């Protein structure tokens, strides 16, 4: 069953910049990112957990936390933006 466009357009609680040049801003961005993952990353427990939350249409706060953890685990979360924001 496809996810409703309204859910896909839901903004994450914070933008998640990635070290590979993108920024996940919505659930739809996350789905697009996840569907492009190489198989070895896609099968990791952290990504499977994030996918399950999205499929279940869980609250965006939980989805954002799971995505942040998955990106961090893969060393793909760009933490530089948080450091720059903290200095400002």
Protein backbone atom coordinates (compact mmCIF):
# COMPACT_ATOMS: atom_id res chain seq x y z
CA UNK A 1 0.00 0.00 0.00
CA UNK A 2 1.58 3.29 -1.07
CA UNK A 3 2.10 6.06 1.42
CA UNK A 4 -0.27 9.02 1.10
CA UNK A 5 1.24 12.14 -0.49
CA UNK A 6 0.26 14.15 2.57
CA UNK A 7 2.40 11.93 4.82
CA UNK A 8 5.31 12.03 2.36
CA UNK A 9 5.14 15.84 2.41
CA UNK A 10 5.37 15.95 6.22
CA UNK A 11 8.42 17.93 7.32
CA UNK A 12 10.93 16.23 9.59
CA UNK A 13 11.41 17.90 12.96
CA UNK A 14 14.79 19.13 11.74
CA UNK A 15 16.58 19.04 8.38
CA UNK A 16 19.12 16.21 8.20
CA UNK A 17 22.07 17.19 5.99
CA UNK A 18 24.04 14.27 4.63
CA UNK A 19 27.74 14.02 3.89
CA UNK A 20 26.89 12.90 0.37
CA UNK A 21 25.46 16.30 -0.51
CA UNK A 22 21.75 16.11 0.24
CA UNK A 23 19.41 17.25 2.96
CA UNK A 24 16.43 15.26 4.15
CA UNK A 25 13.64 17.72 4.93
CA UNK A 26 10.48 15.62 4.50
CA UNK A 27 9.39 12.03 4.90
CA UNK A 28 9.35 11.87 1.09
CA UNK A 29 12.99 12.99 0.95
CA UNK A 30 13.82 10.21 3.40
CA UNK A 31 11.99 7.61 1.34
CA UNK A 32 13.80 8.71 -1.82
CA UNK A 33 17.15 8.58 0.00
CA UNK A 34 16.42 5.16 1.47
CA UNK A 35 15.31 3.65 -1.84
CA UNK A 36 18.65 4.70 -3.35
CA UNK A 37 20.74 3.08 -0.59
CA UNK A 38 23.14 0.30 -1.55
CA UNK A 39 21.86 -3.10 -0.45
CA UNK A 40 24.40 -3.49 2.39
CA UNK A 41 23.18 -0.23 3.97
CA UNK A 42 19.52 -0.88 3.24
CA UNK A 43 19.65 -4.17 5.15
CA UNK A 44 21.18 -2.64 8.28
CA UNK A 45 18.93 -2.77 11.35
CA UNK A 46 18.91 1.01 11.78
CA UNK A 47 17.59 1.54 8.25
CA UNK A 48 15.09 -1.29 8.58
CA UNK A 49 13.79 0.32 11.77
CA UNK A 50 13.43 3.71 10.09
CA UNK A 51 11.59 2.08 7.18
CA UNK A 52 9.19 0.31 9.54
CA UNK A 53 8.36 3.59 11.27
CA UNK A 54 7.63 5.25 7.93
CA UNK A 55 5.51 2.37 6.66
CA UNK A 56 3.53 2.43 9.91
CA UNK A 57 3.13 6.22 9.51
CA UNK A 58 4.53 6.82 12.96
CA UNK A 59 4.84 10.41 14.27
CA UNK A 60 7.46 12.48 12.50
CA UNK A 61 9.46 12.95 15.72
CA UNK A 62 10.15 9.21 15.91
CA UNK A 63 10.92 9.03 12.19
CA UNK A 64 13.36 11.95 12.41
CA UNK A 65 15.19 10.37 15.37
CA UNK A 66 15.45 7.02 13.57
CA UNK A 67 16.74 8.66 10.38
CA UNK A 68 19.26 10.73 12.32
CA UNK A 69 20.54 7.61 14.07
CA UNK A 70 20.75 5.67 10.80
CA UNK A 71 22.67 8.46 9.08
CA UNK A 72 24.97 8.86 12.10
CA UNK A 73 25.61 5.10 12.23
CA UNK A 74 26.60 5.14 8.55
CA UNK A 75 28.78 8.25 9.08
CA UNK A 76 26.53 10.07 6.61
CA UNK A 77 25.02 12.68 8.96
CA UNK A 78 26.73 16.01 8.35
CA UNK A 79 27.32 17.24 11.88
CA UNK A 80 29.11 20.37 10.69
CA UNK A 81 25.81 22.23 10.29
CA UNK A 82 25.00 21.69 13.99
CA UNK A 83 28.39 22.98 15.07
CA UNK A 84 27.99 26.10 12.92
CA UNK A 85 24.49 26.71 14.32
CA UNK A 86 25.76 26.32 17.90
CA UNK A 87 28.44 28.98 17.34
CA UNK A 88 25.95 31.52 15.97
